[in-house]
Amino acid sequence: MRVLALLLAAAALAACGADEPAAPVTDLVVRVDADGAQGPQAAREAHVHCPGKGCGVTAADFAPAPRHQACTEVYGGPETATVTGTLNGEPVDARFRRTDGCEIARWHRVRGLLAAATG
């Protein structure tokens, strides 16, 4: 009788939460090249894994600048970055550079995430 009670308790515990979907996961590879593709320094890479709400970034942060948006002609530096993987369970494949005002603004929106690869 005691064994049966233990088996029933174990089965009940195993079923706990079985019907609840797992929270989407954020699993990203962040790669930053401080001197751009033409520079001699190697790019640095970091793997970022966050359960739940995606490390403080959203899908909108990875969207490219609108194609016909007017951007200031200011050069922010040779840095380039890529972010690939999944954000809240959705695929991400984003490229960043600092070639004009629009691209610099995108870079700044994700600078906390990019910092994972820069030390």
PDB file of N, CA and C in Angstrom:
ATOM      1  N   MET A   1       0.820  -1.188   0.000  1.00  0.00           N
ATOM      2  CA  MET A   1       0.000   0.000   0.000  1.00  0.00           C
ATOM      3  C   MET A   1       0.871   1.261   0.000  1.00  0.00           C
ATOM      4  N   ARG A   2       1.924   1.215   0.810  1.00  0.00           N
ATOM      5  CA  ARG A   2       2.825   2.357   0.895  1.00  0.00           C
ATOM      6  C   ARG A   2       3.510   2.600  -0.455  1.00  0.00           C
ATOM      7  N   VAL A   3       3.918   1.533  -1.144  1.00  0.00           N
ATOM      8  CA  VAL A   3       4.558   1.646  -2.454  1.00  0.00           C
ATOM      9  C   VAL A   3       3.598   2.246  -3.465  1.00  0.00           C
ATOM     10  N   LEU A   4       2.331   1.842  -3.421  1.00  0.00           N
ATOM     11  CA  LEU A   4       1.328   2.377  -4.338  1.00  0.00           C
ATOM     12  C   LEU A   4       1.144   3.882  -4.117  1.00  0.00           C
ATOM     13  N   ALA A   5       1.120   4.308  -2.856  1.00  0.00           N
ATOM     14  CA  ALA A   5       0.976   5.733  -2.556  1.00  0.00           C
ATOM     15  C   ALA A   5       2.179   6.521  -3.069  1.00  0.00           C
ATOM     16  N   LEU A   6       3.376   5.969  -2.904  1.00  0.00           N
ATOM     17  CA  LEU A   6       4.578   6.636  -3.415  1.00  0.00           C
ATOM     18  C   LEU A   6       4.557   6.735  -4.938  1.00  0.00           C
ATOM     19  N   LEU A   7       4.128   5.660  -5.599  1.00  0.00           N
ATOM     20  CA  LEU A   7       4.048   5.692  -7.067  1.00  0.00           C
ATOM     21  C   LEU A   7       3.035   6.718  -7.555  1.00  0.00           C
ATOM     22  N   LEU A   8       1.882   6.798  -6.881  1.00  0.00           N
ATOM     23  CA  LEU A   8       0.868   7.787  -7.267  1.00  0.00           C
ATOM     24  C   LEU A   8       1.381   9.213  -7.039  1.00  0.00           C
ATOM     25  N   ALA A   9       2.081   9.438  -5.932  1.00  0.00           N
ATOM     26  CA  ALA A   9       2.639  10.768  -5.658  1.00  0.00           C
ATOM     27  C   ALA A   9       3.685  11.139  -6.702  1.00  0.00           C
ATOM     28  N   ALA A  10       4.534  10.180  -7.076  1.00  0.00           N
ATOM     29  CA  ALA A  10       5.551  10.442  -8.097  1.00  0.00           C
ATOM     30  C   ALA A  10       4.915  10.752  -9.441  1.00  0.00           C
ATOM     31  N   ALA A  11       3.863  10.020  -9.800  1.00  0.00           N
ATOM     32  CA  ALA A  11       3.170  10.268 -11.070  1.00  0.00           C
ATOM     33  C   ALA A  11       2.518  11.643 -11.071  1.00  0.00           C
ATOM     34  N   ALA A  12       1.938  12.032  -9.936  1.00  0.00           N
ATOM     35  CA  ALA A  12       1.305  13.354  -9.853  1.00  0.00           C
ATOM     36  C   ALA A  12       2.343  14.461  -9.989  1.00  0.00           C
ATOM     37  N   LEU A  13       3.502  14.289  -9.349  1.00  0.00           N
ATOM     38  CA  LEU A  13       4.555  15.295  -9.474  1.00  0.00           C
ATOM     39  C   LEU A  13       5.102  15.369 -10.893  1.00  0.00           C
ATOM     40  N   ALA A  14       5.233  14.244 -11.551  1.00  0.00           N
ATOM     41  CA  ALA A  14       5.740  14.234 -12.921  1.00  0.00           C
ATOM     42  C   ALA A  14       4.783  14.934 -13.867  1.00  0.00           C
ATOM     43  N   ALA A  15       3.497  14.859 -13.584  1.00  0.00           N
ATOM     44  CA  ALA A  15       2.501  15.485 -14.451  1.00  0.00           C
ATOM     45  C   ALA A  15       2.346  16.973 -14.175  1.00  0.00           C
ATOM     46  N   CYS A  16       2.848  17.447 -13.046  1.00  0.00           N
ATOM     47  CA  CYS A  16       2.731  18.872 -12.711  1.00  0.00           C
ATOM     48  C   CYS A  16       3.356  19.723 -13.802  1.00  0.00           C
ATOM     49  N   GLY A  17       2.592  20.627 -14.355  1.00  0.00           N
ATOM     50  CA  GLY A  17       3.112  21.539 -15.347  1.00  0.00           C
ATOM     51  C   GLY A  17       3.276  20.923 -16.729  1.00  0.00           C
ATOM     52  N   ALA A  18       2.891  19.671 -16.901  1.00  0.00           N
ATOM     53  CA  ALA A  18       3.063  19.023 -18.198  1.00  0.00           C
ATOM     54  C   ALA A  18       2.205  19.681 -19.270  1.00  0.00           C
ATOM     55  N   ASP A  19       1.069  20.273 -18.878  1.00  0.00           N
ATOM     56  CA  ASP A  19       0.188  20.907 -19.852  1.00  0.00           C
ATOM     57  C   ASP A  19       0.590  22.339 -20.150  1.00  0.00           C
ATOM     58  N   GLU A  20       1.489  22.914 -19.359  1.00  0.00           N
ATOM     59  CA  GLU A  20       1.913  24.292 -19.568  1.00  0.00           C
ATOM     60  C   GLU A  20       3.007  24.342 -20.627  1.00  0.00           C
ATOM     61  N   PRO A  21       2.863  25.223 -21.626  1.00  0.00           N
ATOM     62  CA  PRO A  21       3.930  25.328 -22.634  1.00  0.00           C
ATOM     63  C   PRO A  21       5.176  25.955 -22.033  1.00  0.00           C
ATOM     64  N   ALA A  22       6.305  25.534 -22.524  1.00  0.00           N
ATOM     65  CA  ALA A  22       7.567  26.110 -22.056  1.00  0.00           C
ATOM     66  C   ALA A  22       7.681  27.547 -22.543  1.00  0.00           C
ATOM     67  N   ALA A  23       8.274  28.405 -21.734  1.00  0.00           N
ATOM     68  CA  ALA A  23       8.479  29.800 -22.133  1.00  0.00           C
ATOM     69  C   ALA A  23       9.436  29.843 -23.320  1.00  0.00           C
ATOM     70  N   PRO A  24       9.178  30.725 -24.281  1.00  0.00           N
ATOM     71  CA  PRO A  24      10.102  30.842 -25.409  1.00  0.00           C
ATOM     72  C   PRO A  24      11.498  31.211 -24.915  1.00  0.00           C
ATOM     73  N   VAL A  25      12.462  30.709 -25.604  1.00  0.00           N
ATOM     74  CA  VAL A  25      13.841  30.902 -25.187  1.00  0.00           C
ATOM     75  C   VAL A  25      14.543  31.854 -26.148  1.00  0.00           C
ATOM     76  N   THR A  26      15.453  32.642 -25.607  1.00  0.00           N
ATOM     77  CA  THR A  26      16.320  33.475 -26.430  1.00  0.00           C
ATOM     78  C   THR A  26      17.711  32.874 -26.381  1.00  0.00           C
ATOM     79  N   ASP A  27      18.217  32.537 -27.548  1.00  0.00           N
ATOM     80  CA  ASP A  27      19.538  31.933 -27.676  1.00  0.00           C
ATOM     81  C   ASP A  27      20.196  32.581 -28.887  1.00  0.00           C
ATOM     82  N   LEU A  28      21.120  33.492 -28.650  1.00  0.00           N
ATOM     83  CA  LEU A  28      21.698  34.300 -29.718  1.00  0.00           C
ATOM     84  C   LEU A  28      23.215  34.150 -29.777  1.00  0.00           C
ATOM     85  N   VAL A  29      23.745  34.268 -30.984  1.00  0.00           N
ATOM     86  CA  VAL A  29      25.182  34.377 -31.198  1.00  0.00           C
ATOM     87  C   VAL A  29      25.427  35.815 -31.639  1.00  0.00           C
ATOM     88  N   VAL A  30      26.205  36.538 -30.848  1.00  0.00           N
ATOM     89  CA  VAL A  30      26.507  37.951 -31.106  1.00  0.00           C
ATOM     90  C   VAL A  30      27.965  38.027 -31.531  1.00  0.00           C
ATOM     91  N   ARG A  31      28.184  38.618 -32.693  1.00  0.00           N
ATOM     92  CA  ARG A  31      29.547  38.721 -33.234  1.00  0.00           C
ATOM     93  C   ARG A  31      29.811  40.182 -33.570  1.00  0.00           C
ATOM     94  N   VAL A  32      30.868  40.745 -33.002  1.00  0.00           N
ATOM     95  CA  VAL A  32      31.212  42.150 -33.224  1.00  0.00           C
ATOM     96  C   VAL A  32      32.634  42.225 -33.762  1.00  0.00           C
ATOM     97  N   ASP A  33      32.783  42.952 -34.864  1.00  0.00           N
ATOM     98  CA  ASP A  33      34.098  43.179 -35.459  1.00  0.00           C
ATOM     99  C   ASP A  33      34.408  44.668 -35.280  1.00  0.00           C
ATOM    100  N   ALA A  34      35.281  44.968 -34.329  1.00  0.00           N
ATOM    101  CA  ALA A  34      35.548  46.355 -33.938  1.00  0.00           C
ATOM    102  C   ALA A  34      36.183  47.190 -35.032  1.00  0.00           C
ATOM    103  N   ASP A  35      36.926  46.560 -35.936  1.00  0.00           N
ATOM    104  CA  ASP A  35      37.550  47.336 -37.007  1.00  0.00           C
ATOM    105  C   ASP A  35      37.010  46.962 -38.383  1.00  0.00           C
ATOM    106  N   GLY A  36      35.858  46.351 -38.424  1.00  0.00           N
ATOM    107  CA  GLY A  36      35.213  46.020 -39.690  1.00  0.00           C
ATOM    108  C   GLY A  36      35.877  44.870 -40.407  1.00  0.00           C
ATOM    109  N   ALA A  37      35.292  44.480 -41.509  1.00  0.00           N
ATOM    110  CA  ALA A  37      35.783  43.325 -42.265  1.00  0.00           C
ATOM    111  C   ALA A  37      37.186  43.544 -42.826  1.00  0.00           C
ATOM    112  N   GLN A  38      37.560  44.790 -43.088  1.00  0.00           N
ATOM    113  CA  GLN A  38      38.868  45.069 -43.692  1.00  0.00           C
ATOM    114  C   GLN A  38      39.990  45.192 -42.666  1.00  0.00           C
ATOM    115  N   GLY A  39      39.653  45.312 -41.393  1.00  0.00           N
ATOM    116  CA  GLY A  39      40.670  45.510 -40.364  1.00  0.00           C
ATOM    117  C   GLY A  39      41.353  44.215 -39.955  1.00  0.00           C
ATOM    118  N   PRO A  40      42.516  44.327 -39.327  1.00  0.00           N
ATOM    119  CA  PRO A  40      43.290  43.141 -38.961  1.00  0.00           C
ATOM    120  C   PRO A  40      42.803  42.421 -37.709  1.00  0.00           C
ATOM    121  N   GLN A  41      42.026  43.091 -36.871  1.00  0.00           N
ATOM    122  CA  GLN A  41      41.571  42.454 -35.631  1.00  0.00           C
ATOM    123  C   GLN A  41      40.508  41.398 -35.921  1.00  0.00           C
ATOM    124  N   ALA A  42      40.564  40.320 -35.181  1.00  0.00           N
ATOM    125  CA  ALA A  42      39.543  39.276 -35.309  1.00  0.00           C
ATOM    126  C   ALA A  42      38.259  39.728 -34.622  1.00  0.00           C
ATOM    127  N   ALA A  43      37.151  39.305 -35.182  1.00  0.00           N
ATOM    128  CA  ALA A  43      35.859  39.595 -34.562  1.00  0.00           C
ATOM    129  C   ALA A  43      35.749  38.824 -33.249  1.00  0.00           C
ATOM    130  N   ARG A  44      34.988  39.376 -32.316  1.00  0.00           N
ATOM    131  CA  ARG A  44      34.743  38.706 -31.042  1.00  0.00           C
ATOM    132  C   ARG A  44      33.313  38.195 -31.033  1.00  0.00           C
ATOM    133  N   GLU A  45      33.111  37.067 -30.386  1.00  0.00           N
ATOM    134  CA  GLU A  45      31.814  36.403 -30.417  1.00  0.00           C
ATOM    135  C   GLU A  45      31.380  36.015 -29.011  1.00  0.00           C
ATOM    136  N   ALA A  46      30.081  36.104 -28.766  1.00  0.00           N
ATOM    137  CA  ALA A  46      29.514  35.686 -27.485  1.00  0.00           C
ATOM    138  C   ALA A  46      28.209  34.951 -27.745  1.00  0.00           C
ATOM    139  N   HIS A  47      27.930  33.980 -26.913  1.00  0.00           N
ATOM    140  CA  HIS A  47      26.649  33.268 -26.947  1.00  0.00           C
ATOM    141  C   HIS A  47      25.818  33.802 -25.788  1.00  0.00           C
ATOM    142  N   VAL A  48      24.613  34.265 -26.099  1.00  0.00           N
ATOM    143  CA  VAL A  48      23.733  34.862 -25.102  1.00  0.00           C
ATOM    144  C   VAL A  48      22.478  34.009 -25.014  1.00  0.00           C
ATOM    145  N   HIS A  49      22.185  33.540 -23.818  1.00  0.00           N
ATOM    146  CA  HIS A  49      21.022  32.690 -23.593  1.00  0.00           C
ATOM    147  C   HIS A  49      20.192  33.306 -22.471  1.00  0.00           C
ATOM    148  N   CYS A  50      18.934  33.595 -22.756  1.00  0.00           N
ATOM    149  CA  CYS A  50      18.044  34.175 -21.751  1.00  0.00           C
ATOM    150  C   CYS A  50      16.715  33.433 -21.773  1.00  0.00           C
ATOM    151  N   PRO A  51      16.291  32.896 -20.650  1.00  0.00           N
ATOM    152  CA  PRO A  51      14.938  32.349 -20.610  1.00  0.00           C
ATOM    153  C   PRO A  51      13.939  33.499 -20.528  1.00  0.00           C
ATOM    154  N   GLY A  52      12.756  33.333 -21.058  1.00  0.00           N
ATOM    155  CA  GLY A  52      11.719  34.350 -20.882  1.00  0.00           C
ATOM    156  C   GLY A  52      11.762  35.477 -21.880  1.00  0.00           C
ATOM    157  N   LYS A  53      11.910  36.696 -21.428  1.00  0.00           N
ATOM    158  CA  LYS A  53      11.631  37.895 -22.223  1.00  0.00           C
ATOM    159  C   LYS A  53      12.762  38.419 -23.097  1.00  0.00           C
ATOM    160  N   GLY A  54      13.705  37.661 -23.490  1.00  0.00           N
ATOM    161  CA  GLY A  54      14.628  38.040 -24.535  1.00  0.00           C
ATOM    162  C   GLY A  54      15.712  39.026 -24.220  1.00  0.00           C
ATOM    163  N   CYS A  55      16.256  39.049 -23.047  1.00  0.00           N
ATOM    164  CA  CYS A  55      17.455  39.839 -22.725  1.00  0.00           C
ATOM    165  C   CYS A  55      17.250  41.344 -22.886  1.00  0.00           C
ATOM    166  N   GLY A  56      16.035  41.816 -22.805  1.00  0.00           N
ATOM    167  CA  GLY A  56      15.798  43.256 -22.895  1.00  0.00           C
ATOM    168  C   GLY A  56      15.753  43.813 -24.306  1.00  0.00           C
ATOM    169  N   VAL A  57      15.746  42.974 -25.331  1.00  0.00           N
ATOM    170  CA  VAL A  57      15.610  43.438 -26.713  1.00  0.00           C
ATOM    171  C   VAL A  57      14.330  42.864 -27.303  1.00  0.00           C
ATOM    172  N   THR A  58      13.837  43.514 -28.353  1.00  0.00           N
ATOM    173  CA  THR A  58      12.625  43.048 -29.030  1.00  0.00           C
ATOM    174  C   THR A  58      12.917  42.804 -30.503  1.00  0.00           C
ATOM    175  N   ALA A  59      12.001  42.165 -31.172  1.00  0.00           N
ATOM    176  CA  ALA A  59      12.159  41.916 -32.610  1.00  0.00           C
ATOM    177  C   ALA A  59      12.306  43.231 -33.370  1.00  0.00           C
ATOM    178  N   ALA A  60      11.634  44.281 -32.929  1.00  0.00           N
ATOM    179  CA  ALA A  60      11.731  45.585 -33.596  1.00  0.00           C
ATOM    180  C   ALA A  60      13.153  46.138 -33.551  1.00  0.00           C
ATOM    181  N   ASP A  61      13.906  45.790 -32.512  1.00  0.00           N
ATOM    182  CA  ASP A  61      15.289  46.261 -32.410  1.00  0.00           C
ATOM    183  C   ASP A  61      16.176  45.669 -33.499  1.00  0.00           C
ATOM    184  N   PHE A  62      15.778  44.551 -34.072  1.00  0.00           N
ATOM    185  CA  PHE A  62      16.567  43.896 -35.113  1.00  0.00           C
ATOM    186  C   PHE A  62      16.106  44.248 -36.525  1.00  0.00           C
ATOM    187  N   ALA A  63      15.011  44.972 -36.640  1.00  0.00           N
ATOM    188  CA  ALA A  63      14.492  45.335 -37.957  1.00  0.00           C
ATOM    189  C   ALA A  63      15.452  46.298 -38.651  1.00  0.00           C
ATOM    190  N   PRO A  64      15.642  46.137 -39.953  1.00  0.00           N
ATOM    191  CA  PRO A  64      16.494  47.084 -40.683  1.00  0.00           C
ATOM    192  C   PRO A  64      15.830  48.455 -40.759  1.00  0.00           C
ATOM    193  N   ALA A  65      16.628  49.461 -41.014  1.00  0.00           N
ATOM    194  CA  ALA A  65      16.085  50.804 -41.215  1.00  0.00           C
ATOM    195  C   ALA A  65      15.191  50.775 -42.456  1.00  0.00           C
ATOM    196  N   PRO A  66      14.080  51.506 -42.428  1.00  0.00           N
ATOM    197  CA  PRO A  66      13.220  51.548 -43.609  1.00  0.00           C
ATOM    198  C   PRO A  66      14.013  51.964 -44.844  1.00  0.00           C
ATOM    199  N   ARG A  67      13.724  51.338 -45.940  1.00  0.00           N
ATOM    200  CA  ARG A  67      14.525  51.507 -47.164  1.00  0.00           C
ATOM    201  C   ARG A  67      14.601  52.941 -47.675  1.00  0.00           C
ATOM    202  N   HIS A  68      13.511  53.674 -47.620  1.00  0.00           N
ATOM    203  CA  HIS A  68      13.500  55.034 -48.176  1.00  0.00           C
ATOM    204  C   HIS A  68      13.533  56.101 -47.080  1.00  0.00           C
ATOM    205  N   GLN A  69      13.992  55.749 -45.915  1.00  0.00           N
ATOM    206  CA  GLN A  69      14.095  56.708 -44.821  1.00  0.00           C
ATOM    207  C   GLN A  69      15.308  57.609 -45.037  1.00  0.00           C
ATOM    208  N   ALA A  70      15.127  58.908 -44.819  1.00  0.00           N
ATOM    209  CA  ALA A  70      16.251  59.839 -44.902  1.00  0.00           C
ATOM    210  C   ALA A  70      17.125  59.655 -43.663  1.00  0.00           C
ATOM    211  N   CYS A  71      18.420  59.517 -43.882  1.00  0.00           N
ATOM    212  CA  CYS A  71      19.362  59.296 -42.786  1.00  0.00           C
ATOM    213  C   CYS A  71      20.464  60.347 -42.858  1.00  0.00           C
ATOM    214  N   THR A  72      20.917  60.773 -41.702  1.00  0.00           N
ATOM    215  CA  THR A  72      22.019  61.730 -41.693  1.00  0.00           C
ATOM    216  C   THR A  72      23.274  61.069 -42.244  1.00  0.00           C
ATOM    217  N   GLU A  73      24.046  61.822 -42.953  1.00  0.00           N
ATOM    218  CA  GLU A  73      25.299  61.327 -43.534  1.00  0.00           C
ATOM    219  C   GLU A  73      26.429  61.551 -42.537  1.00  0.00           C
ATOM    220  N   VAL A  74      26.420  60.769 -41.484  1.00  0.00           N
ATOM    221  CA  VAL A  74      27.453  60.852 -40.467  1.00  0.00           C
ATOM    222  C   VAL A  74      28.025  59.445 -40.308  1.00  0.00           C
ATOM    223  N   TYR A  75      29.327  59.356 -40.294  1.00  0.00           N
ATOM    224  CA  TYR A  75      30.007  58.069 -40.195  1.00  0.00           C
ATOM    225  C   TYR A  75      30.339  57.794 -38.740  1.00  0.00           C
ATOM    226  N   GLY A  76      29.887  56.655 -38.230  1.00  0.00           N
ATOM    227  CA  GLY A  76      30.098  56.330 -36.824  1.00  0.00           C
ATOM    228  C   GLY A  76      31.279  55.429 -36.551  1.00  0.00           C
ATOM    229  N   GLY A  77      31.914  54.902 -37.587  1.00  0.00           N
ATOM    230  CA  GLY A  77      33.066  54.032 -37.396  1.00  0.00           C
ATOM    231  C   GLY A  77      32.950  52.750 -38.205  1.00  0.00           C
ATOM    232  N   PRO A  78      34.022  51.964 -38.232  1.00  0.00           N
ATOM    233  CA  PRO A  78      34.057  50.774 -39.077  1.00  0.00           C
ATOM    234  C   PRO A  78      33.391  49.540 -38.459  1.00  0.00           C
ATOM    235  N   GLU A  79      32.929  49.638 -37.213  1.00  0.00           N
ATOM    236  CA  GLU A  79      32.400  48.468 -36.523  1.00  0.00           C
ATOM    237  C   GLU A  79      31.249  47.827 -37.290  1.00  0.00           C
ATOM    238  N   THR A  80      31.237  46.500 -37.258  1.00  0.00           N
ATOM    239  CA  THR A  80      30.120  45.729 -37.800  1.00  0.00           C
ATOM    240  C   THR A  80      29.739  44.676 -36.768  1.00  0.00           C
ATOM    241  N   ALA A  81      28.504  44.211 -36.846  1.00  0.00           N
ATOM    242  CA  ALA A  81      28.049  43.183 -35.915  1.00  0.00           C
ATOM    243  C   ALA A  81      26.980  42.336 -36.586  1.00  0.00           C
ATOM    244  N   THR A  82      26.879  41.099 -36.147  1.00  0.00           N
ATOM    245  CA  THR A  82      25.795  40.218 -36.556  1.00  0.00           C
ATOM    246  C   THR A  82      25.192  39.599 -35.303  1.00  0.00           C
ATOM    247  N   VAL A  83      23.900  39.371 -35.360  1.00  0.00           N
ATOM    248  CA  VAL A  83      23.192  38.671 -34.293  1.00  0.00           C
ATOM    249  C   VAL A  83      22.334  37.622 -34.974  1.00  0.00           C
ATOM    250  N   THR A  84      22.560  36.358 -34.627  1.00  0.00           N
ATOM    251  CA  THR A  84      21.784  35.256 -35.195  1.00  0.00           C
ATOM    252  C   THR A  84      21.293  34.363 -34.065  1.00  0.00           C
ATOM    253  N   GLY A  85      20.265  33.603 -34.349  1.00  0.00           N
ATOM    254  CA  GLY A  85      19.728  32.662 -33.365  1.00  0.00           C
ATOM    255  C   GLY A  85      18.238  32.826 -33.232  1.00  0.00           C
ATOM    256  N   THR A  86      17.754  32.719 -31.983  1.00  0.00           N
ATOM    257  CA  THR A  86      16.322  32.874 -31.731  1.00  0.00           C
ATOM    258  C   THR A  86      16.091  33.889 -30.623  1.00  0.00           C
ATOM    259  N   LEU A  87      15.064  34.708 -30.812  1.00  0.00           N
ATOM    260  CA  LEU A  87      14.633  35.693 -29.825  1.00  0.00           C
ATOM    261  C   LEU A  87      13.202  35.352 -29.460  1.00  0.00           C
ATOM    262  N   ASN A  88      12.985  34.973 -28.211  1.00  0.00           N
ATOM    263  CA  ASN A  88      11.655  34.555 -27.760  1.00  0.00           C
ATOM    264  C   ASN A  88      11.077  33.473 -28.673  1.00  0.00           C
ATOM    265  N   GLY A  89      11.924  32.571 -29.120  1.00  0.00           N
ATOM    266  CA  GLY A  89      11.487  31.465 -29.959  1.00  0.00           C
ATOM    267  C   GLY A  89      11.391  31.782 -31.440  1.00  0.00           C
ATOM    268  N   GLU A  90      11.604  33.026 -31.846  1.00  0.00           N
ATOM    269  CA  GLU A  90      11.519  33.437 -33.249  1.00  0.00           C
ATOM    270  C   GLU A  90      12.927  33.610 -33.822  1.00  0.00           C
ATOM    271  N   PRO A  91      13.126  33.263 -35.104  1.00  0.00           N
ATOM    272  CA  PRO A  91      14.471  33.374 -35.691  1.00  0.00           C
ATOM    273  C   PRO A  91      14.932  34.821 -35.836  1.00  0.00           C
ATOM    274  N   VAL A  92      16.238  35.018 -35.638  1.00  0.00           N
ATOM    275  CA  VAL A  92      16.878  36.326 -35.783  1.00  0.00           C
ATOM    276  C   VAL A  92      18.092  36.161 -36.681  1.00  0.00           C
ATOM    277  N   ASP A  93      18.240  37.072 -37.624  1.00  0.00           N
ATOM    278  CA  ASP A  93      19.435  37.147 -38.466  1.00  0.00           C
ATOM    279  C   ASP A  93      19.610  38.620 -38.829  1.00  0.00           C
ATOM    280  N   ALA A  94      20.326  39.355 -38.006  1.00  0.00           N
ATOM    281  CA  ALA A  94      20.442  40.806 -38.172  1.00  0.00           C
ATOM    282  C   ALA A  94      21.890  41.215 -38.352  1.00  0.00           C
ATOM    283  N   ARG A  95      22.085  42.251 -39.150  1.00  0.00           N
ATOM    284  CA  ARG A  95      23.405  42.827 -39.403  1.00  0.00           C
ATOM    285  C   ARG A  95      23.387  44.284 -38.958  1.00  0.00           C
ATOM    286  N   PHE A  96      24.469  44.719 -38.350  1.00  0.00           N
ATOM    287  CA  PHE A  96      24.575  46.089 -37.867  1.00  0.00           C
ATOM    288  C   PHE A  96      25.881  46.700 -38.348  1.00  0.00           C
ATOM    289  N   ARG A  97      25.844  48.012 -38.595  1.00  0.00           N
ATOM    290  CA  ARG A  97      27.034  48.767 -38.985  1.00  0.00           C
ATOM    291  C   ARG A  97      26.815  50.204 -38.533  1.00  0.00           C
ATOM    292  N   ARG A  98      27.801  51.021 -38.687  1.00  0.00           N
ATOM    293  CA  ARG A  98      27.702  52.400 -38.184  1.00  0.00           C
ATOM    294  C   ARG A  98      27.989  53.395 -39.314  1.00  0.00           C
ATOM    295  N   THR A  99      27.424  53.142 -40.482  1.00  0.00           N
ATOM    296  CA  THR A  99      27.750  53.909 -41.679  1.00  0.00           C
ATOM    297  C   THR A  99      26.941  55.189 -41.868  1.00  0.00           C
ATOM    298  N   ASP A 100      25.838  55.346 -41.157  1.00  0.00           N
ATOM    299  CA  ASP A 100      25.045  56.576 -41.249  1.00  0.00           C
ATOM    300  C   ASP A 100      24.191  56.700 -39.994  1.00  0.00           C
ATOM    301  N   GLY A 101      23.441  57.788 -39.888  1.00  0.00           N
ATOM    302  CA  GLY A 101      22.656  58.050 -38.688  1.00  0.00           C
ATOM    303  C   GLY A 101      21.634  56.973 -38.365  1.00  0.00           C
ATOM    304  N   CYS A 102      20.995  56.420 -39.383  1.00  0.00           N
ATOM    305  CA  CYS A 102      19.998  55.369 -39.152  1.00  0.00           C
ATOM    306  C   CYS A 102      20.646  54.102 -38.597  1.00  0.00           C
ATOM    307  N   GLU A 103      21.779  53.742 -39.172  1.00  0.00           N
ATOM    308  CA  GLU A 103      22.483  52.539 -38.717  1.00  0.00           C
ATOM    309  C   GLU A 103      23.079  52.741 -37.324  1.00  0.00           C
ATOM    310  N   ILE A 104      23.551  53.932 -37.040  1.00  0.00           N
ATOM    311  CA  ILE A 104      24.068  54.225 -35.702  1.00  0.00           C
ATOM    312  C   ILE A 104      22.948  54.107 -34.674  1.00  0.00           C
ATOM    313  N   ALA A 105      21.759  54.596 -35.011  1.00  0.00           N
ATOM    314  CA  ALA A 105      20.604  54.493 -34.097  1.00  0.00           C
ATOM    315  C   ALA A 105      20.249  53.029 -33.839  1.00  0.00           C
ATOM    316  N   ARG A 106      20.266  52.195 -34.872  1.00  0.00           N
ATOM    317  CA  ARG A 106      20.009  50.754 -34.685  1.00  0.00           C
ATOM    318  C   ARG A 106      21.054  50.145 -33.756  1.00  0.00           C
ATOM    319  N   TRP A 107      22.313  50.498 -33.970  1.00  0.00           N
ATOM    320  CA  TRP A 107      23.408  49.988 -33.137  1.00  0.00           C
ATOM    321  C   TRP A 107      23.159  50.340 -31.667  1.00  0.00           C
ATOM    322  N   HIS A 108      22.768  51.593 -31.426  1.00  0.00           N
ATOM    323  CA  HIS A 108      22.547  52.042 -30.056  1.00  0.00           C
ATOM    324  C   HIS A 108      21.384  51.318 -29.387  1.00  0.00           C
ATOM    325  N   ARG A 109      20.364  50.938 -30.158  1.00  0.00           N
ATOM    326  CA  ARG A 109      19.230  50.214 -29.575  1.00  0.00           C
ATOM    327  C   ARG A 109      19.648  48.857 -29.016  1.00  0.00           C
ATOM    328  N   VAL A 110      20.663  48.233 -29.599  1.00  0.00           N
ATOM    329  CA  VAL A 110      21.086  46.899 -29.155  1.00  0.00           C
ATOM    330  C   VAL A 110      22.478  46.912 -28.524  1.00  0.00           C
ATOM    331  N   ARG A 111      22.977  48.080 -28.171  1.00  0.00           N
ATOM    332  CA  ARG A 111      24.349  48.176 -27.664  1.00  0.00           C
ATOM    333  C   ARG A 111      24.572  47.316 -26.425  1.00  0.00           C
ATOM    334  N   GLY A 112      23.572  47.162 -25.579  1.00  0.00           N
ATOM    335  CA  GLY A 112      23.739  46.306 -24.400  1.00  0.00           C
ATOM    336  C   GLY A 112      23.980  44.863 -24.791  1.00  0.00           C
ATOM    337  N   LEU A 113      23.273  44.405 -25.806  1.00  0.00           N
ATOM    338  CA  LEU A 113      23.460  43.040 -26.293  1.00  0.00           C
ATOM    339  C   LEU A 113      24.816  42.892 -26.992  1.00  0.00           C
ATOM    340  N   LEU A 114      25.181  43.880 -27.803  1.00  0.00           N
ATOM    341  CA  LEU A 114      26.465  43.831 -28.498  1.00  0.00           C
ATOM    342  C   LEU A 114      27.639  43.864 -27.533  1.00  0.00           C
ATOM    343  N   ALA A 115      27.438  44.479 -26.381  1.00  0.00           N
ATOM    344  CA  ALA A 115      28.506  44.545 -25.379  1.00  0.00           C
ATOM    345  C   ALA A 115      28.915  43.161 -24.893  1.00  0.00           C
ATOM    346  N   ALA A 116      28.043  42.178 -25.025  1.00  0.00           N
ATOM    347  CA  ALA A 116      28.382  40.809 -24.609  1.00  0.00           C
ATOM    348  C   ALA A 116      29.601  40.295 -25.383  1.00  0.00           C
ATOM    349  N   ALA A 117      29.765  40.753 -26.623  1.00  0.00           N
ATOM    350  CA  ALA A 117      30.881  40.284 -27.441  1.00  0.00           C
ATOM    351  C   ALA A 117      32.090  41.213 -27.415  1.00  0.00           C
ATOM    352  N   THR A 118      31.945  42.343 -26.759  1.00  0.00           N
ATOM    353  CA  THR A 118      33.069  43.279 -26.765  1.00  0.00           C
ATOM    354  C   THR A 118      33.806  43.338 -25.437  1.00  0.00           C
ATOM    355  N   GLY A 119      33.369  42.545 -24.509  1.00  0.00           N
ATOM    356  CA  GLY A 119      34.114  42.469 -23.252  1.00  0.00           C
ATOM    357  C   GLY A 119      33.489  43.121 -22.153  1.00  0.00           C
TER     358      GLY A 119
END
